């Protein structure tokens, strides 16, 4: 019999998903004939209706009839019996429950953003872009081949580019790109340039100096890693941890007061309202002034503002990740292999610049494992830590300032390069070029618009973090904004 009731409840949930209807209250009791029955309190058109369904006579028609009696916007699911908590209900709470049962209820925000759903959408979008780009490229290649077969009178002297038109001939002819002017670019330039000279048959007259520059370059890169890691550790330990503790305390007081002590505890011991029926906005007046201020300045209470700040911060980190991945593609994946560093570089036309065309496999492994990978890991951790700290920043002004302050962690590599590297080493870094002939692209949807996928990834990350992944305020109920609207208007509405 319990299984039958469970089936009825499951069908009610299906109705909720398919028709947008929900049940205001569900009670399970024994009928006169000994069968268990499900009593639903349905709110429709301002009236509370009670519909009783016995598992033995559940039919599709009765389900449809029940669903049509529900208002899709005004129903609230409740799982526990009200009678079980009756002894603890205060007069204020009882009045608030009565008001909730008879007043028009607004739909709550959707806070159940399943990570797989958002990730799947991003994958589908990327796949759609890939297919669109492939079809576009194949179609234009076929058109170009057809035009070439048709040909043109040779006497006219008309070139292929002229026959295809300026737009069709808008191809790239790439040759080289410089290394980045930071500690990462410097250590790569020092290794490639100095090992190239040392590997020549004639050797180098400045062997000791070149070896010293290689070791000092690695020392500077290691110092850069250590400084970034220490900053991250201290931000995690002191700044972010303190901010998270304070904002959890502020929300704990808010929940305990406005739910009139009808609360449950999260896994880390902070209070959350047990049921929306006990939520009484009028109890906000009981809070002290500092408690009101701390609660109303929770960043999650202004999701639009927080989302913009997190989006900008995410774009900053993604920009650094793109540079790291581009170095990996150019130096590890796209660069040719050679058994000796003596064949790794060629001189440019002007004679001063050197072009990296090949690298030994051990050097590729060193660059990938000890230069690029640590940079990616630091950027990834910084993305998570920055989002956590910003979400816990209980001040709307400091929210922007903290996002700007976090950027200096990404800029230490440029700072150390500008300040601690000699002018000769800076010039050698600038003169070290990477061959990028293989990166030339013809006009296509991906070559023109493909970078926007990074923006879509940033949006997906912000959405996932705010509504699913953030653990600053676990089980956040999205119940602060409406209550604090009047307080925000009174305290943040300075006239310009």
Protein backbone atom coordinates (compact mmCIF):
# COMPACT_ATOMS: atom_id res chain seq x y z
CA UNK A 1 0.00 0.00 0.00
CA UNK A 2 2.85 2.34 0.75
CA UNK A 3 4.19 1.61 -2.70
CA UNK A 4 0.86 2.65 -4.20
CA UNK A 5 0.95 5.95 -2.36
CA UNK A 6 4.50 6.46 -3.51
CA UNK A 7 3.36 5.92 -7.10
CA UNK A 8 0.65 8.55 -6.63
CA UNK A 9 3.17 11.05 -5.30
CA UNK A 10 5.47 10.27 -8.21
CA UNK A 11 2.63 10.91 -10.67
CA UNK A 12 1.95 14.23 -8.97
CA UNK A 13 5.57 15.23 -9.49
CA UNK A 14 5.26 14.27 -13.17
CA UNK A 15 2.20 16.52 -13.45
CA UNK A 16 4.23 19.30 -11.88
CA UNK A 17 6.99 18.94 -14.49
CA UNK A 18 4.70 18.49 -17.51
CA UNK A 19 1.95 20.99 -16.79
CA UNK A 20 3.67 23.48 -14.51
CA UNK A 21 1.26 22.61 -11.67
CA UNK A 22 2.26 21.76 -8.13
CA UNK A 23 0.66 20.73 -4.86
CA UNK A 24 0.29 23.20 -2.01
CA UNK A 25 0.13 20.49 0.63
CA UNK A 26 -0.01 16.68 0.63
CA UNK A 27 -1.40 14.57 3.44
CA UNK A 28 -1.45 10.76 3.58
CA UNK A 29 -4.11 9.15 5.79
CA UNK A 30 -6.26 6.00 6.12
CA UNK A 31 -9.70 5.96 4.53
CA UNK A 32 -12.76 4.33 6.10
CA UNK A 33 -12.35 1.14 4.07
CA UNK A 34 -8.78 0.67 5.26
CA UNK A 35 -7.02 2.00 2.17
CA UNK A 36 -4.47 4.75 2.37
CA UNK A 37 -5.49 7.90 0.53
CA UNK A 38 -3.65 11.01 -0.60
CA UNK A 39 -5.30 14.34 0.17
CA UNK A 40 -4.05 17.30 -1.86
CA UNK A 41 -4.68 20.91 -0.94
CA UNK A 42 -4.88 22.70 -4.26
CA UNK A 43 -4.74 26.48 -4.63
CA UNK A 44 -6.55 27.75 -7.69
CA UNK A 45 -8.18 31.10 -8.38
CA UNK A 46 -7.65 32.20 -4.79
CA UNK A 47 -9.54 29.22 -3.26
CA UNK A 48 -8.13 26.28 -1.37
CA UNK A 49 -9.57 23.02 -2.66
CA UNK A 50 -9.08 19.56 -1.19
CA UNK A 51 -8.84 16.67 -3.64
CA UNK A 52 -8.63 13.12 -2.26
CA UNK A 53 -7.21 10.32 -4.38
CA UNK A 54 -7.28 6.67 -3.28
CA UNK A 55 -4.50 4.58 -4.88
CA UNK A 56 -6.93 1.85 -5.92
CA UNK A 57 -8.90 4.13 -8.22
CA UNK A 58 -6.18 6.36 -9.62
CA UNK A 59 -6.73 6.96 -13.30
CA UNK A 60 -5.38 9.18 -16.02
CA UNK A 61 -8.65 11.13 -16.05
CA UNK A 62 -8.47 11.85 -12.32
CA UNK A 63 -4.89 13.06 -12.67
CA UNK A 64 -5.81 15.41 -15.51
CA UNK A 65 -8.80 16.67 -13.55
CA UNK A 66 -6.58 17.34 -10.54
CA UNK A 67 -3.95 19.11 -12.63
CA UNK A 68 -6.53 21.39 -14.24
CA UNK A 69 -7.61 22.56 -10.77
CA UNK A 70 -4.12 23.81 -10.00
CA UNK A 71 -2.74 27.26 -10.69
CA UNK A 72 0.70 26.86 -12.24
CA UNK A 73 2.07 30.01 -10.61
CA UNK A 74 0.58 29.90 -7.14
CA UNK A 75 1.22 26.42 -5.72
CA UNK A 76 3.95 25.53 -3.23
CA UNK A 77 5.13 21.95 -2.57
CA UNK A 78 5.30 20.97 1.08
CA UNK A 79 6.55 17.54 2.17
CA UNK A 80 6.07 17.41 5.95
CA UNK A 81 2.87 17.37 7.96
CA UNK A 82 1.87 20.73 9.49
CA UNK A 83 0.44 18.92 12.51
CA UNK A 84 3.88 17.57 13.45
CA UNK A 85 5.14 21.11 14.05
CA UNK A 86 1.93 22.53 15.53
CA UNK A 87 3.20 22.67 19.13
CA UNK A 88 6.05 24.99 18.11
CA UNK A 89 4.02 27.39 15.96
CA UNK A 90 3.81 30.86 17.47
CA UNK A 91 0.91 33.27 16.87
CA UNK A 92 3.04 35.33 14.47
CA UNK A 93 3.95 32.23 12.50
CA UNK A 94 0.35 31.01 12.41
CA UNK A 95 -0.77 34.38 11.06
CA UNK A 96 1.96 34.28 8.43
CA UNK A 97 1.00 30.72 7.39
CA UNK A 98 -2.62 31.77 7.01
CA UNK A 99 -1.58 34.72 4.88
CA UNK A 100 0.58 32.47 2.71
CA UNK A 101 -2.31 30.07 2.19
CA UNK A 102 -4.76 32.74 1.06
CA UNK A 103 -2.52 35.34 -0.64
CA UNK A 104 -1.13 35.28 -4.14
CA UNK A 105 2.28 33.57 -4.10
CA UNK A 106 5.00 34.56 -6.54
CA UNK A 107 7.11 31.83 -8.15
CA UNK A 108 10.52 31.38 -6.55
CA UNK A 109 13.74 31.57 -8.50
CA UNK A 110 15.08 28.36 -9.98
CA UNK A 111 18.15 27.43 -7.96
CA UNK A 112 18.57 23.86 -9.22
CA UNK A 113 20.93 24.36 -12.13
CA UNK A 114 22.28 20.88 -12.67
CA UNK A 115 25.92 21.08 -13.84
CA UNK A 116 25.43 18.40 -16.50
CA UNK A 117 22.61 20.40 -18.07
CA UNK A 118 24.69 23.55 -18.53
CA UNK A 119 27.77 21.61 -19.62
CA UNK A 120 25.68 19.70 -22.14
CA UNK A 121 24.34 22.96 -23.58
CA UNK A 122 27.88 24.31 -24.01
CA UNK A 123 28.99 21.07 -25.70
CA UNK A 124 25.98 21.18 -28.02
CA UNK A 125 26.73 24.78 -28.94
CA UNK A 126 30.38 23.98 -29.62
CA UNK A 127 29.41 20.97 -31.73
CA UNK A 128 26.89 23.08 -33.66
CA UNK A 129 29.58 25.68 -34.37
CA UNK A 130 31.96 22.95 -35.53
CA UNK A 131 29.40 21.41 -37.88
CA UNK A 132 28.40 24.82 -39.26
CA UNK A 133 32.04 25.74 -39.87
CA UNK A 134 32.74 22.39 -41.57
CA UNK A 135 29.74 22.70 -43.88
CA UNK A 136 30.63 26.30 -44.73
CA UNK A 137 34.25 25.41 -45.49
CA UNK A 138 33.35 22.38 -47.63
CA UNK A 139 30.79 24.37 -49.61
CA UNK A 140 33.23 27.15 -50.41
CA UNK A 141 36.00 24.69 -51.25
CA UNK A 142 33.63 23.03 -53.69
CA UNK A 143 32.71 26.40 -55.20
CA UNK A 144 36.39 27.31 -55.55
CA UNK A 145 37.18 23.97 -57.22
CA UNK A 146 34.27 24.41 -59.61
CA UNK A 147 35.44 27.90 -60.48
CA UNK A 148 38.98 26.67 -61.07
CA UNK A 149 37.74 23.91 -63.38
CA UNK A 150 35.72 26.41 -65.36
CA UNK A 151 38.86 28.49 -65.78
CA UNK A 152 39.23 31.76 -67.66
CA UNK A 153 40.85 32.77 -70.93
CA UNK A 154 44.54 32.95 -70.38
CA UNK A 155 44.80 35.85 -72.83
CA UNK A 156 42.91 38.10 -70.53
CA UNK A 157 45.68 37.81 -67.99
CA UNK A 158 43.07 37.59 -65.26
CA UNK A 159 44.42 36.13 -62.03
CA UNK A 160 42.70 33.46 -59.95
CA UNK A 161 42.19 35.94 -57.10
CA UNK A 162 40.48 38.36 -59.49
CA UNK A 163 38.14 35.66 -60.81
CA UNK A 164 37.21 34.55 -57.29
CA UNK A 165 36.73 38.10 -56.06
CA UNK A 166 38.39 40.05 -53.28
CA UNK A 167 36.32 38.40 -50.54
CA UNK A 168 37.24 34.86 -51.64
CA UNK A 169 40.95 35.76 -51.83
CA UNK A 170 41.01 37.20 -48.30
CA UNK A 171 43.34 34.51 -47.02
CA UNK A 172 46.12 34.94 -44.49
CA UNK A 173 49.84 34.60 -45.01
CA UNK A 174 51.31 34.27 -41.55
CA UNK A 175 54.94 33.78 -40.75
CA UNK A 176 56.00 34.56 -37.18
CA UNK A 177 54.65 35.77 -33.83
CA UNK A 178 56.77 37.04 -30.91
CA UNK A 179 57.07 35.34 -27.55
CA UNK A 180 55.17 37.02 -24.69
CA UNK A 181 57.19 39.61 -22.82
CA UNK A 182 56.92 38.14 -19.33
CA UNK A 183 58.77 35.61 -17.19
CA UNK A 184 57.31 32.69 -19.18
CA UNK A 185 58.45 34.12 -22.51
CA UNK A 186 61.85 34.96 -21.05
CA UNK A 187 62.58 31.45 -19.79
CA UNK A 188 61.52 29.94 -23.13
CA UNK A 189 63.67 32.44 -25.06
CA UNK A 190 66.68 31.82 -22.82
CA UNK A 191 66.46 28.04 -23.13
CA UNK A 192 65.92 27.97 -26.89
CA UNK A 193 68.37 30.72 -27.80
CA UNK A 194 71.20 29.68 -25.50
CA UNK A 195 70.80 25.93 -26.04
CA UNK A 196 70.78 26.58 -29.79
CA UNK A 197 74.16 28.34 -29.59
CA UNK A 198 75.60 25.76 -27.20
CA UNK A 199 74.53 22.86 -29.44
CA UNK A 200 76.36 24.16 -32.52
CA UNK A 201 79.43 22.27 -33.63
CA UNK A 202 81.56 25.36 -33.12
CA UNK A 203 80.14 25.81 -29.66
CA UNK A 204 79.85 29.18 -27.94
CA UNK A 205 82.55 31.43 -26.55
CA UNK A 206 80.18 32.50 -23.78
CA UNK A 207 79.18 29.06 -22.52
CA UNK A 208 79.30 29.89 -18.80
CA UNK A 209 77.31 33.10 -19.22
CA UNK A 210 74.64 31.38 -21.30
CA UNK A 211 74.30 28.57 -18.77
CA UNK A 212 74.06 31.17 -16.01
CA UNK A 213 71.25 32.96 -17.86
CA UNK A 214 69.33 29.70 -18.27
CA UNK A 215 69.56 28.93 -14.54
CA UNK A 216 68.69 32.47 -13.44
CA UNK A 217 65.73 32.50 -15.82
CA UNK A 218 64.42 29.34 -14.21
CA UNK A 219 65.08 30.84 -10.79
CA UNK A 220 63.03 33.91 -11.71
CA UNK A 221 60.19 31.73 -13.01
CA UNK A 222 60.28 29.65 -9.82
CA UNK A 223 60.16 32.85 -7.76
CA UNK A 224 57.15 33.96 -9.78
CA UNK A 225 55.41 30.65 -9.03
CA UNK A 226 56.22 30.88 -5.33
CA UNK A 227 54.98 34.45 -5.00
CA UNK A 228 51.70 33.61 -6.75
CA UNK A 229 51.19 30.48 -4.64
CA UNK A 230 51.93 32.32 -1.39
CA UNK A 231 49.47 35.08 -2.31
CA UNK A 232 46.82 32.48 -3.09
CA UNK A 233 47.44 30.65 0.19
CA UNK A 234 47.21 33.84 2.24
CA UNK A 235 44.08 35.04 0.44
CA UNK A 236 42.50 31.63 1.04
CA UNK A 237 43.52 31.52 4.69
CA UNK A 238 42.89 35.09 5.79
CA UNK A 239 40.80 37.12 3.34
CA UNK A 240 38.43 34.56 1.79
CA UNK A 241 38.00 32.42 4.93
CA UNK A 242 37.16 35.46 7.06
CA UNK A 243 34.71 36.80 4.48
CA UNK A 244 32.98 33.42 4.18
CA UNK A 245 32.64 33.10 7.96
CA UNK A 246 31.17 36.60 8.32
CA UNK A 247 28.64 36.24 5.52
CA UNK A 248 27.50 32.85 6.81
CA UNK A 249 26.94 34.36 10.22
CA UNK A 250 24.93 37.23 8.74
CA UNK A 251 22.70 34.86 6.77
CA UNK A 252 22.33 32.58 9.80
CA UNK A 253 20.86 35.45 11.85
CA UNK A 254 18.56 36.42 8.97
CA UNK A 255 17.21 32.87 8.54
CA UNK A 256 16.75 32.24 12.26
CA UNK A 257 14.80 35.46 12.76
CA UNK A 258 12.60 35.54 9.68
CA UNK A 259 11.63 31.87 9.97
CA UNK A 260 10.85 32.37 13.67
CA UNK A 261 13.32 29.64 14.72
CA UNK A 262 11.76 27.04 12.41
CA UNK A 263 15.12 26.11 10.95
CA UNK A 264 17.27 23.22 9.87
CA UNK A 265 21.05 23.03 9.91
CA UNK A 266 23.42 22.75 6.98
CA UNK A 267 26.29 20.29 6.96
CA UNK A 268 28.56 22.94 8.49
CA UNK A 269 26.08 23.95 11.19
CA UNK A 270 24.46 27.13 9.84
CA UNK A 271 20.72 27.79 10.01
CA UNK A 272 18.35 27.57 7.05
CA UNK A 273 14.59 28.04 7.03
CA UNK A 274 12.82 24.70 7.25
CA UNK A 275 9.77 25.62 5.14
CA UNK A 276 8.56 28.63 3.18
CA UNK A 277 5.30 28.55 5.14
CA UNK A 278 7.17 29.79 8.21
CA UNK A 279 8.81 32.69 6.37
CA UNK A 280 7.55 36.00 7.76
CA UNK A 281 9.01 39.16 6.16
CA UNK A 282 7.48 41.28 8.93
CA UNK A 283 10.03 39.81 11.35
CA UNK A 284 12.76 41.69 9.49
CA UNK A 285 12.02 44.67 11.76
CA UNK A 286 13.27 42.63 14.75
CA UNK A 287 16.82 42.57 13.40
CA UNK A 288 19.35 45.03 14.72
CA UNK A 289 20.58 47.70 12.33
CA UNK A 290 23.95 46.01 11.76
CA UNK A 291 22.23 42.65 11.19
CA UNK A 292 19.96 44.25 8.60
CA UNK A 293 22.95 45.81 6.86
CA UNK A 294 24.96 42.58 6.87
CA UNK A 295 22.05 40.57 5.46
CA UNK A 296 21.01 43.06 2.79
CA UNK A 297 24.56 43.42 1.47
CA UNK A 298 24.92 39.71 0.70
CA UNK A 299 26.04 39.65 -2.97
CA UNK A 300 23.73 36.76 -3.83
CA UNK A 301 20.80 39.00 -2.92
CA UNK A 302 21.66 41.03 -6.04
CA UNK A 303 22.37 38.22 -8.54
CA UNK A 304 22.60 40.53 -11.56
CA UNK A 305 25.28 42.68 -9.98
CA UNK A 306 27.26 39.69 -8.73
CA UNK A 307 26.96 37.92 -12.09
CA UNK A 308 28.47 40.89 -13.95
CA UNK A 309 31.43 41.12 -11.55
CA UNK A 310 32.03 37.35 -11.70
CA UNK A 311 31.74 37.42 -15.49
CA UNK A 312 34.40 40.14 -15.80
CA UNK A 313 36.68 38.29 -13.40
CA UNK A 314 36.17 35.03 -15.30
CA UNK A 315 37.07 36.76 -18.58
CA UNK A 316 40.33 38.00 -17.01
CA UNK A 317 41.33 34.47 -16.02
CA UNK A 318 40.19 32.96 -19.31
CA UNK A 319 42.36 35.49 -21.15
CA UNK A 320 45.39 34.19 -19.25
CA UNK A 321 44.35 30.58 -19.90
CA UNK A 322 44.05 31.30 -23.64
CA UNK A 323 47.61 32.63 -23.72
CA UNK A 324 48.84 29.49 -21.97
CA UNK A 325 46.99 27.18 -24.35
CA UNK A 326 48.23 29.16 -27.35
CA UNK A 327 51.84 28.72 -26.19
CA UNK A 328 51.24 25.00 -25.75
CA UNK A 329 49.76 24.65 -29.23
CA UNK A 330 52.55 26.63 -30.89
CA UNK A 331 55.57 25.23 -29.06
CA UNK A 332 54.52 21.68 -28.17
CA UNK A 333 51.86 20.64 -30.68
CA UNK A 334 52.56 22.76 -33.75
CA UNK A 335 56.33 22.98 -33.62
CA UNK A 336 58.37 20.35 -35.45
CA UNK A 337 60.76 17.96 -33.72
CA UNK A 338 64.51 17.71 -34.09
CA UNK A 339 67.15 15.51 -32.43
CA UNK A 340 69.43 18.44 -31.70
CA UNK A 341 68.89 22.06 -30.68
CA UNK A 342 71.42 23.13 -33.30
CA UNK A 343 68.61 22.86 -35.90
CA UNK A 344 65.92 24.45 -33.76
CA UNK A 345 66.10 28.01 -35.09
CA UNK A 346 66.60 29.92 -38.31
CA UNK A 347 67.61 33.54 -38.80
CA UNK A 348 65.00 36.01 -39.98
CA UNK A 349 65.46 38.08 -43.11
CA UNK A 350 66.82 41.06 -41.18
CA UNK A 351 69.40 38.86 -39.44
CA UNK A 352 68.60 39.98 -35.88
CA UNK A 353 65.52 37.92 -35.07
CA UNK A 354 65.55 34.15 -34.60
CA UNK A 355 62.58 31.99 -35.58
CA UNK A 356 61.76 28.84 -33.62
CA UNK A 357 60.90 26.14 -36.16
CA UNK A 358 61.77 22.91 -34.30
CA UNK A 359 62.37 21.74 -30.75
CA UNK A 360 63.70 18.57 -29.22
CA UNK A 361 61.15 16.30 -27.57
CA UNK A 362 62.75 16.62 -24.09
CA UNK A 363 62.59 20.42 -24.33
CA UNK A 364 58.94 20.23 -25.42
CA UNK A 365 58.23 18.09 -22.37
CA UNK A 366 60.00 20.56 -20.09
CA UNK A 367 58.08 23.52 -21.52
CA UNK A 368 54.75 21.70 -21.29
CA UNK A 369 55.21 20.22 -17.80
CA UNK A 370 57.16 22.91 -15.96
CA UNK A 371 56.26 26.17 -17.71
CA UNK A 372 52.75 25.95 -19.17
CA UNK A 373 51.04 23.39 -16.89
CA UNK A 374 51.81 25.23 -13.59
CA UNK A 375 50.53 28.45 -15.16
CA UNK A 376 47.25 26.76 -16.12
CA UNK A 377 46.83 25.22 -12.66
CA UNK A 378 47.46 28.53 -10.92
CA UNK A 379 44.97 30.30 -13.18
CA UNK A 380 42.34 27.61 -12.56
CA UNK A 381 42.71 27.82 -8.79
CA UNK A 382 42.69 31.61 -8.96
CA UNK A 383 39.40 31.50 -10.89
CA UNK A 384 37.73 29.41 -8.17
CA UNK A 385 39.25 31.39 -5.29
CA UNK A 386 38.34 34.73 -6.85
CA UNK A 387 34.71 33.68 -7.36
CA UNK A 388 34.52 32.40 -3.78
CA UNK A 389 36.02 35.58 -2.29
CA UNK A 390 33.85 37.87 -4.39
CA UNK A 391 30.69 35.93 -3.53
CA UNK A 392 31.59 36.26 0.17
CA UNK A 393 32.40 39.99 -0.01
CA UNK A 394 29.66 41.50 2.13
CA UNK A 395 29.94 45.01 0.69
CA UNK A 396 28.82 46.17 -2.74
CA UNK A 397 31.71 48.64 -3.09
CA UNK A 398 34.40 46.19 -2.01
CA UNK A 399 33.00 43.68 -4.49
CA UNK A 400 34.38 45.72 -7.39
CA UNK A 401 37.58 46.66 -5.58
CA UNK A 402 38.37 43.05 -4.71
CA UNK A 403 37.93 41.98 -8.32
CA UNK A 404 40.48 44.61 -9.36
CA UNK A 405 42.84 43.63 -6.54
CA UNK A 406 42.79 39.99 -7.62
CA UNK A 407 44.14 40.91 -11.04
CA UNK A 408 47.57 41.79 -9.68
CA UNK A 409 48.14 38.06 -9.02
CA UNK A 410 47.98 37.55 -12.78
CA UNK A 411 50.28 40.51 -13.42
CA UNK A 412 53.25 39.38 -11.30
CA UNK A 413 54.85 37.76 -14.35
CA UNK A 414 54.93 41.10 -16.23
CA UNK A 415 56.07 42.96 -13.10
CA UNK A 416 59.04 40.67 -12.51
CA UNK A 417 59.99 40.71 -16.19
CA UNK A 418 59.90 44.52 -16.34
CA UNK A 419 61.79 45.01 -13.07
CA UNK A 420 64.25 42.13 -12.69
CA UNK A 421 65.27 41.18 -16.23
CA UNK A 422 68.23 42.85 -17.94
CA UNK A 423 67.69 44.94 -21.06
CA UNK A 424 69.75 42.52 -23.16
CA UNK A 425 67.57 39.60 -22.07
CA UNK A 426 64.45 41.65 -22.80
CA UNK A 427 65.70 42.37 -26.32
CA UNK A 428 66.59 38.70 -26.83
CA UNK A 429 63.06 37.77 -25.77
CA UNK A 430 61.56 40.24 -28.26
CA UNK A 431 63.79 38.96 -31.05
CA UNK A 432 62.79 35.33 -30.46
CA UNK A 433 59.92 34.55 -32.82
CA UNK A 434 57.65 31.51 -33.24
CA UNK A 435 56.78 30.14 -36.67
CA UNK A 436 52.96 30.28 -37.11
CA UNK A 437 52.61 29.51 -40.81
CA UNK A 438 50.33 26.58 -39.98
CA UNK A 439 47.83 28.91 -38.26
CA UNK A 440 46.80 30.75 -41.46
CA UNK A 441 43.03 30.59 -41.96
CA UNK A 442 40.61 31.42 -44.73
CA UNK A 443 37.43 33.37 -43.92
CA UNK A 444 35.00 31.07 -42.10
CA UNK A 445 32.49 31.24 -39.25
CA UNK A 446 35.02 29.79 -36.82
CA UNK A 447 37.92 32.05 -37.80
CA UNK A 448 35.75 35.15 -37.45
CA UNK A 449 33.43 34.22 -34.58
CA UNK A 450 34.95 31.20 -32.84
CA UNK A 451 36.42 33.20 -29.95
CA UNK A 452 32.91 34.02 -28.74
CA UNK A 453 32.74 30.44 -27.44
CA UNK A 454 35.10 31.54 -24.66
CA UNK A 455 32.47 34.09 -23.67
CA UNK A 456 29.82 31.37 -23.65
CA UNK A 457 32.06 29.26 -21.43
CA UNK A 458 32.47 32.22 -19.08
CA UNK A 459 28.70 32.71 -18.90
CA UNK A 460 28.17 29.00 -18.26
CA UNK A 461 30.76 29.02 -15.48
CA UNK A 462 29.20 32.05 -13.76
CA UNK A 463 25.72 30.52 -13.95
CA UNK A 464 26.93 27.16 -12.65
CA UNK A 465 28.92 28.72 -9.83
CA UNK A 466 26.14 30.99 -8.59
CA UNK A 467 23.29 28.50 -8.75
CA UNK A 468 24.96 25.15 -8.20
CA UNK A 469 28.66 25.09 -7.29
CA UNK A 470 29.12 27.91 -4.78
CA UNK A 471 29.64 26.77 -1.19
CA UNK A 472 29.86 30.21 0.40
CA UNK A 473 26.20 29.96 1.39
CA UNK A 474 25.21 26.33 0.80
CA UNK A 475 21.47 25.75 0.47
CA UNK A 476 20.91 29.45 -0.10
CA UNK A 477 17.13 30.07 -0.28
CA UNK A 478 17.11 33.28 -2.38
CA UNK A 479 14.88 34.96 0.19
CA UNK A 480 16.87 38.14 0.98
CA UNK A 481 16.28 40.36 -2.03
CA UNK A 482 12.55 41.07 -1.67
CA UNK A 483 12.76 41.55 2.08
CA UNK A 484 15.64 44.02 1.75
CA UNK A 485 14.19 45.98 -1.18
CA UNK A 486 12.88 48.77 1.07
CA UNK A 487 16.08 48.84 3.13
CA UNK A 488 18.20 49.05 -0.04
CA UNK A 489 16.03 51.89 -1.35
CA UNK A 490 16.38 53.84 1.90
CA UNK A 491 20.15 53.34 2.25
CA UNK A 492 21.45 53.21 -1.34
CA UNK A 493 19.23 55.69 -3.18
CA UNK A 494 21.37 58.79 -2.98
CA UNK A 495 20.29 61.37 -5.52
CA UNK A 496 22.83 62.38 -8.16
